[in-house]
Amino acid sequence: MKLQRLLLVLVAILFVWVLVLTSQLGKETTVSEETVINNVVNGFSTDLTKVAEERAPAIATIESGNSLSTAVFYRSVGGKSYFLTTYHTLSPEAVDLRLENGFTAAATVRGFDVYSDVCLLETEIPYELSEVPFGNAELLQKGEFLLTFGAPRVAEYSPSVALAMVSSRKTTVNNMLNYQDNDYSYYLDLIQVSSNLTGGYSGGPVFNMNGELVGMNCFSLRGSDGVSFALPINEISLIAEKLLTGENVDKTMFGIRGKPVRDMRNYEKAAMAIELTQLEGYYIQDLHADSLGIHAGLQPGDILLSVNGEKIVSETDLLKAQYEDTGVYDLLVSRNGVQTELHLSIEKESEVPE
């Protein structure tokens, strides 16, 4: 009997100990979950406020005629300060630039590219501004948060800040440009952004959560539910360098639609009979109708390996090749596993003047 009572007491003690331990574990789990949630929320908020605070001094409101737009500081050269914005928001009248600290200055157009809408403004600022770091738009992912600035409806107010999200890293848009009663049809590869941006956001910089410049707002679709587009920084940087040095911005649009082989998943490569170890080249899914690529002999399914001897590995490599104003392009492609050389020669026609 004594042994049975002792066993019952031990079982009772063990049961109570298990209940207490379970209770404590439950409390620790609850606290841990709350801590994680708070850390995530506070960390996200800190990232947003840090990017906004650090980049605000480089943002300018542009007033030109009756139009308000936005610009971002690019760099200083020879005592001049240069800002990037969109050209379509500027009028032939004076262009005035206003920074967040209230400093105002007149600006002039150093150069612009009518196709991409990128414009470089020149002005003088009596103090140094820090250049914003450039990111890589090729690394953007669907669902990634972005932060963008835009001119307010009243010029005296500080630029507005909006939270956006990547809907698509690369969306091809067919644009139509009318200049001197001539129509120019062309394509732009843009970042599709989910955000309700107003007109003042034209030219506004788009930053990732690291505070890196990854794009510039171009336009929004009227009547759409938050569908906007931004030109990727990879293309902007190529254009800005030419505008700064006074070079002619001449893009040879091959009309290629596809993706770098290195970005393809293994099952995609297997379906296209591409060696899994191949990491170079640009896989051509399709070509725009009547494009230069078609005239050169490119076909869907080809892998563009190089242009004028320069290897094509990334989207930026392809962009650089198209911005080389050579007029002659030697293309090396892999077609059904066999390397083929193609040649494209462009007879320079009258360009849309800058």
Protein backbone atom coordinates (compact mmCIF):
# COMPACT_ATOMS: atom_id res chain seq x y z
CA MET A 1 0.00 0.00 0.00
CA LYS A 2 2.77 2.39 0.93
CA LEU A 3 4.47 1.71 -2.39
CA GLN A 4 1.25 2.37 -4.31
CA ARG A 5 0.70 5.66 -2.45
CA LEU A 6 4.28 6.70 -3.17
CA LEU A 7 3.82 5.97 -6.87
CA LEU A 8 0.57 7.96 -6.95
CA VAL A 9 2.28 10.91 -5.29
CA LEU A 10 5.15 10.77 -7.78
CA VAL A 11 2.74 10.60 -10.73
CA ALA A 12 0.80 13.56 -9.34
CA ILE A 13 4.00 15.59 -8.91
CA LEU A 14 5.13 14.70 -12.42
CA PHE A 15 1.72 15.71 -13.85
CA VAL A 16 1.82 19.07 -12.09
CA TRP A 17 5.40 19.67 -13.28
CA VAL A 18 4.41 18.93 -16.89
CA LEU A 19 1.49 21.39 -16.63
CA VAL A 20 3.74 24.13 -15.25
CA LEU A 21 6.41 23.50 -17.90
CA THR A 22 3.85 23.55 -20.72
CA SER A 23 2.44 26.79 -19.39
CA GLN A 24 5.86 28.42 -19.31
CA LEU A 25 6.69 27.23 -22.83
CA GLY A 26 3.44 28.67 -24.13
CA LYS A 27 4.24 32.03 -22.58
CA GLU A 28 7.75 32.03 -24.06
CA THR A 29 6.35 31.18 -27.51
CA THR A 30 3.84 34.04 -27.29
CA VAL A 31 6.48 36.53 -26.22
CA SER A 32 8.82 35.29 -28.93
CA GLU A 33 6.17 35.71 -31.64
CA GLU A 34 5.32 39.21 -30.47
CA THR A 35 9.00 40.12 -30.41
CA VAL A 36 9.49 38.86 -33.96
CA ILE A 37 6.46 40.79 -35.22
CA ASN A 38 7.58 43.99 -33.50
CA ASN A 39 11.09 43.63 -34.87
CA VAL A 40 9.79 43.14 -38.40
CA VAL A 41 7.44 46.13 -38.22
CA ASN A 42 10.01 48.40 -36.59
CA GLY A 43 12.74 47.27 -38.96
CA PHE A 44 10.55 47.90 -42.00
CA SER A 45 9.62 51.33 -40.70
CA THR A 46 13.26 52.10 -40.00
CA ASP A 47 14.25 51.14 -43.56
CA LEU A 48 11.59 53.42 -45.03
CA THR A 49 12.39 56.41 -42.87
CA LYS A 50 16.14 55.95 -43.36
CA VAL A 51 15.85 55.90 -47.15
CA ALA A 52 13.51 58.91 -47.16
CA GLU A 53 15.71 60.92 -44.83
CA GLU A 54 18.99 60.15 -46.58
CA ARG A 55 17.73 60.73 -50.13
CA ALA A 56 15.51 63.79 -49.55
CA PRO A 57 18.35 66.37 -49.93
CA ALA A 58 19.00 65.10 -53.48
CA ILE A 59 15.38 65.48 -54.61
CA ALA A 60 14.21 68.61 -56.44
CA THR A 61 10.83 69.93 -57.46
CA ILE A 62 10.91 71.19 -61.06
CA GLU A 63 8.59 74.01 -62.10
CA SER A 64 8.37 74.71 -65.82
CA GLY A 65 5.48 76.72 -67.19
CA ASN A 66 2.36 75.31 -65.54
CA SER A 67 3.93 71.91 -64.96
CA LEU A 68 5.41 70.41 -61.81
CA SER A 69 7.71 67.39 -61.93
CA THR A 70 10.56 65.83 -59.97
CA ALA A 71 14.31 65.44 -60.45
CA VAL A 72 17.13 63.68 -58.64
CA PHE A 73 20.71 64.86 -58.27
CA TYR A 74 23.08 63.05 -60.62
CA ARG A 75 26.56 64.51 -60.09
CA SER A 76 28.68 67.68 -60.02
CA VAL A 77 31.22 68.41 -62.74
CA GLY A 78 33.28 71.57 -63.19
CA GLY A 79 31.30 73.59 -60.66
CA LYS A 80 27.98 72.64 -62.25
CA SER A 81 25.33 70.41 -60.71
CA TYR A 82 23.32 68.01 -62.84
CA PHE A 83 19.89 66.52 -62.21
CA LEU A 84 17.96 63.75 -63.96
CA THR A 85 14.29 64.16 -64.85
CA THR A 86 11.80 63.52 -67.67
CA TYR A 87 11.72 65.74 -70.73
CA HIS A 88 7.99 65.65 -71.50
CA THR A 89 7.19 67.71 -68.39
CA LEU A 90 9.35 70.67 -69.48
CA SER A 91 8.15 73.61 -71.52
CA PRO A 92 10.21 76.06 -73.61
CA GLU A 93 9.81 78.53 -70.77
CA ALA A 94 12.20 78.86 -67.85
CA VAL A 95 12.95 75.83 -65.72
CA ASP A 96 13.15 76.44 -61.98
CA LEU A 97 14.57 73.93 -59.51
CA ARG A 98 13.72 73.85 -55.81
CA LEU A 99 15.37 71.63 -53.19
CA GLU A 100 13.75 70.48 -49.96
CA ASN A 101 15.72 72.97 -47.85
CA GLY A 102 14.14 75.84 -49.80
CA PHE A 103 17.08 76.61 -52.08
CA THR A 104 15.96 77.62 -55.58
CA ALA A 105 17.89 78.04 -58.80
CA ALA A 106 17.30 78.40 -62.51
CA ALA A 107 18.19 75.34 -64.58
CA THR A 108 18.86 74.71 -68.24
CA VAL A 109 18.52 71.57 -70.34
CA ARG A 110 21.97 70.05 -70.91
CA GLY A 111 20.55 67.35 -73.16
CA PHE A 112 17.72 64.87 -73.57
CA ASP A 113 16.69 61.70 -75.35
CA VAL A 114 13.21 61.88 -76.87
CA TYR A 115 12.74 58.10 -76.96
CA SER A 116 13.52 57.27 -73.34
CA ASP A 117 12.31 60.72 -72.13
CA VAL A 118 15.46 61.11 -70.01
CA CYS A 119 16.58 64.72 -69.56
CA LEU A 120 19.70 66.13 -67.90
CA LEU A 121 19.35 69.52 -66.23
CA GLU A 122 22.27 71.82 -65.46
CA THR A 123 22.34 74.34 -62.62
CA GLU A 124 24.62 75.84 -59.98
CA ILE A 125 24.36 75.04 -56.28
CA PRO A 126 26.66 76.80 -53.76
CA TYR A 127 27.20 73.67 -51.66
CA GLU A 128 27.97 70.00 -52.23
CA LEU A 129 25.29 67.39 -52.71
CA SER A 130 25.97 63.69 -52.22
CA GLU A 131 25.48 61.49 -55.26
CA VAL A 132 22.84 58.83 -54.81
CA PRO A 133 24.12 55.27 -55.23
CA PHE A 134 22.95 53.40 -58.32
CA GLY A 135 21.43 49.96 -57.91
CA ASN A 136 20.81 47.22 -60.45
CA ALA A 137 17.28 46.99 -61.84
CA GLU A 138 18.02 43.46 -63.06
CA LEU A 139 17.96 42.30 -59.43
CA LEU A 140 14.45 43.58 -58.70
CA GLN A 141 11.90 40.95 -57.73
CA LYS A 142 8.12 40.86 -58.04
CA GLY A 143 6.62 42.07 -54.77
CA GLU A 144 9.71 44.03 -53.71
CA PHE A 145 8.99 47.32 -51.94
CA LEU A 146 10.17 50.59 -53.46
CA LEU A 147 10.14 54.21 -52.32
CA THR A 148 9.57 57.08 -54.72
CA PHE A 149 9.41 60.88 -54.51
CA GLY A 150 7.09 63.21 -56.40
CA ALA A 151 6.44 66.93 -56.72
CA PRO A 152 3.48 68.16 -54.65
CA ARG A 153 0.56 69.99 -56.22
CA VAL A 154 1.85 73.19 -54.63
CA ALA A 155 5.47 74.00 -55.48
CA GLU A 156 6.26 75.46 -52.05
CA TYR A 157 5.58 72.17 -50.30
CA SER A 158 8.14 69.42 -49.76
CA PRO A 159 8.20 66.56 -52.28
CA SER A 160 5.74 63.79 -51.50
CA VAL A 161 6.92 60.28 -50.66
CA ALA A 162 5.06 57.15 -51.80
CA LEU A 163 5.49 53.45 -51.14
CA ALA A 164 5.36 51.31 -54.27
CA MET A 165 5.86 47.66 -55.20
CA VAL A 166 7.39 45.86 -58.16
CA SER A 167 4.67 44.22 -60.27
CA SER A 168 7.05 43.23 -63.06
CA ARG A 169 10.79 43.79 -63.40
CA LYS A 170 10.44 44.05 -67.17
CA THR A 171 7.33 45.03 -69.10
CA THR A 172 7.66 45.91 -72.80
CA VAL A 173 5.59 48.95 -73.77
CA ASN A 174 4.93 50.04 -77.35
CA ASN A 175 5.26 53.84 -77.53
CA MET A 176 4.37 56.24 -80.31
CA LEU A 177 6.28 59.50 -80.72
CA ASN A 178 5.05 62.25 -83.00
CA TYR A 179 7.66 64.78 -84.07
CA GLN A 180 7.20 67.31 -86.86
CA ASP A 181 4.20 65.39 -88.23
CA ASN A 182 6.17 62.14 -88.33
CA ASP A 183 5.29 59.12 -86.22
CA TYR A 184 8.01 57.05 -84.60
CA SER A 185 7.00 53.67 -83.19
CA TYR A 186 9.37 52.08 -80.70
CA TYR A 187 9.48 49.84 -77.63
CA LEU A 188 10.65 50.46 -74.09
CA ASP A 189 11.42 47.82 -71.46
CA LEU A 190 10.12 49.32 -68.21
CA ILE A 191 9.64 48.40 -64.58
CA GLN A 192 5.94 47.97 -63.88
CA VAL A 193 5.17 49.51 -60.51
CA SER A 194 2.08 49.11 -58.35
CA SER A 195 1.35 52.59 -56.99
CA ASN A 196 -1.15 55.40 -57.56
CA LEU A 197 1.24 58.12 -58.74
CA THR A 198 0.06 61.56 -59.82
CA GLY A 199 1.51 63.76 -62.54
CA GLY A 200 4.04 65.40 -60.22
CA TYR A 201 5.86 62.09 -59.87
CA SER A 202 7.11 62.25 -63.49
CA GLY A 203 10.90 62.19 -63.33
CA GLY A 204 10.77 61.12 -59.71
CA PRO A 205 13.47 58.71 -58.53
CA VAL A 206 12.60 55.15 -57.51
CA PHE A 207 14.69 53.68 -54.69
CA ASN A 208 14.95 50.16 -53.32
CA MET A 209 15.05 49.54 -49.58
CA ASN A 210 18.84 49.87 -49.62
CA GLY A 211 18.44 53.47 -50.78
CA GLU A 212 19.83 52.67 -54.24
CA LEU A 213 18.40 54.37 -57.30
CA VAL A 214 16.80 51.69 -59.47
CA GLY A 215 14.57 53.71 -61.81
CA MET A 216 12.78 56.91 -62.76
CA ASN A 217 9.02 57.37 -63.02
CA CYS A 218 7.82 57.73 -66.62
CA PHE A 219 4.04 57.59 -66.68
CA SER A 220 0.91 55.96 -65.24
CA LEU A 221 -2.00 54.36 -67.08
CA ARG A 222 -5.07 56.54 -66.91
CA GLY A 223 -8.05 54.89 -65.30
CA SER A 224 -5.93 51.99 -64.08
CA ASP A 225 -5.79 50.77 -60.53
CA GLY A 226 -2.27 51.81 -59.61
CA VAL A 227 -0.36 50.79 -62.75
CA SER A 228 2.73 52.94 -63.27
CA PHE A 229 6.01 52.52 -65.14
CA ALA A 230 9.61 53.46 -64.43
CA LEU A 231 12.65 53.43 -66.72
CA PRO A 232 15.35 51.17 -65.20
CA ILE A 233 18.54 52.77 -63.94
CA ASN A 234 20.65 50.45 -66.11
CA GLU A 235 19.41 52.27 -69.20
CA ILE A 236 19.28 55.70 -67.57
CA SER A 237 22.96 55.54 -66.62
CA LEU A 238 24.01 54.81 -70.20
CA ILE A 239 21.95 57.75 -71.49
CA ALA A 240 23.05 60.15 -68.75
CA GLU A 241 26.74 59.56 -69.48
CA LYS A 242 26.21 60.45 -73.13
CA LEU A 243 24.16 63.54 -72.29
CA LEU A 244 26.78 64.75 -69.82
CA THR A 245 29.60 64.45 -72.35
CA GLY A 246 27.52 65.92 -75.18
CA GLU A 247 27.42 62.70 -77.19
CA ASN A 248 24.49 61.83 -79.42
CA VAL A 249 22.15 59.31 -77.81
CA ASP A 250 21.60 56.72 -80.50
CA LYS A 251 19.99 53.41 -79.62
CA THR A 252 19.85 50.63 -82.18
CA MET A 253 16.72 48.76 -81.21
CA PHE A 254 17.20 45.11 -82.14
CA GLY A 255 13.60 44.36 -81.19
CA ILE A 256 14.52 41.32 -79.13
CA ARG A 257 12.26 39.90 -76.44
CA GLY A 258 13.76 37.28 -74.16
CA LYS A 259 15.97 36.79 -71.15
CA PRO A 260 19.59 36.08 -70.24
CA VAL A 261 20.43 32.38 -70.24
CA ARG A 262 21.92 32.73 -66.75
CA ASP A 263 18.48 33.75 -65.45
CA MET A 264 16.74 30.70 -66.92
CA ARG A 265 15.78 27.84 -64.63
CA ASN A 266 17.09 24.36 -65.37
CA TYR A 267 13.72 23.10 -66.59
CA GLU A 268 13.57 26.02 -69.03
CA LYS A 269 17.01 25.21 -70.35
CA ALA A 270 16.10 21.54 -70.68
CA ALA A 271 12.95 22.43 -72.63
CA MET A 272 14.99 24.63 -74.99
CA ALA A 273 17.79 22.02 -75.36
CA ILE A 274 20.28 24.38 -73.72
CA GLU A 275 23.19 22.92 -71.80
CA LEU A 276 22.62 23.36 -68.06
CA THR A 277 26.21 24.56 -67.68
CA GLN A 278 25.76 27.39 -70.21
CA LEU A 279 25.53 30.75 -68.45
CA GLU A 280 26.31 33.14 -71.31
CA GLY A 281 24.07 34.47 -74.04
CA TYR A 282 20.63 36.00 -74.38
CA TYR A 283 17.79 33.65 -75.29
CA ILE A 284 15.45 35.16 -77.90
CA GLN A 285 11.83 34.29 -77.22
CA ASP A 286 10.37 36.62 -79.83
CA LEU A 287 11.16 39.60 -82.06
CA HIS A 288 9.09 42.69 -82.73
CA ALA A 289 7.55 42.89 -86.16
CA ASP A 290 9.75 44.46 -88.84
CA SER A 291 12.55 44.98 -86.29
CA LEU A 292 16.26 45.30 -87.03
CA GLY A 293 16.77 41.92 -85.40
CA ILE A 294 14.56 40.28 -88.01
CA HIS A 295 16.38 42.09 -90.81
CA ALA A 296 19.67 40.82 -89.37
CA GLY A 297 18.39 37.24 -89.57
CA LEU A 298 17.72 36.59 -85.88
CA GLN A 299 15.05 34.00 -85.10
CA PRO A 300 13.07 32.98 -82.02
CA GLY A 301 15.03 30.27 -80.24
CA ASP A 302 18.42 31.78 -81.09
CA ILE A 303 20.87 32.55 -78.31
CA LEU A 304 22.70 35.82 -78.93
CA LEU A 305 26.24 35.19 -77.67
CA SER A 306 28.06 38.40 -78.60
CA VAL A 307 27.78 41.71 -80.45
CA ASN A 308 30.92 43.09 -82.12
CA GLY A 309 32.99 40.65 -80.09
CA GLU A 310 31.54 41.71 -76.73
CA LYS A 311 29.90 38.84 -74.81
CA ILE A 312 26.21 39.15 -73.93
CA VAL A 313 25.56 37.81 -70.45
CA SER A 314 23.04 40.23 -68.94
CA GLU A 315 20.30 42.66 -69.90
CA THR A 316 22.78 45.48 -69.36
CA ASP A 317 25.24 43.91 -71.83
CA LEU A 318 22.50 43.91 -74.46
CA LEU A 319 21.63 47.54 -73.65
CA LYS A 320 25.28 48.61 -73.99
CA ALA A 321 25.51 46.92 -77.38
CA GLN A 322 22.41 48.75 -78.60
CA TYR A 323 23.72 52.13 -77.40
CA GLU A 324 27.01 51.73 -79.28
CA ASP A 325 26.68 54.11 -82.22
CA THR A 326 28.64 52.00 -84.71
CA GLY A 327 26.11 51.43 -87.47
CA VAL A 328 27.68 48.01 -88.07
CA TYR A 329 26.97 45.01 -85.83
CA ASP A 330 28.49 41.54 -86.04
CA LEU A 331 26.22 39.13 -84.17
CA LEU A 332 27.29 35.69 -83.00
CA VAL A 333 24.34 33.40 -82.23
CA SER A 334 23.87 29.80 -81.25
CA ARG A 335 21.12 28.18 -83.34
CA ASN A 336 20.21 24.57 -82.62
CA GLY A 337 23.57 24.15 -80.94
CA VAL A 338 25.54 25.49 -83.91
CA GLN A 339 27.23 28.91 -83.80
CA THR A 340 26.26 31.23 -86.65
CA GLU A 341 27.53 34.70 -87.57
CA LEU A 342 25.07 37.38 -88.66
CA HIS A 343 25.73 40.89 -89.86
CA LEU A 344 23.65 44.04 -89.48
CA SER A 345 24.52 47.30 -91.22
CA ILE A 346 22.39 50.37 -90.58
CA GLU A 347 22.26 53.24 -93.00
CA LYS A 348 21.98 56.37 -90.88
CA GLU A 349 18.79 58.23 -91.59
CA SER A 350 17.73 61.62 -90.29
CA GLU A 351 17.39 61.25 -86.55
CA VAL A 352 14.85 62.91 -84.34
CA PRO A 353 16.91 65.96 -83.30
CA GLU A 354 17.76 66.66 -79.70
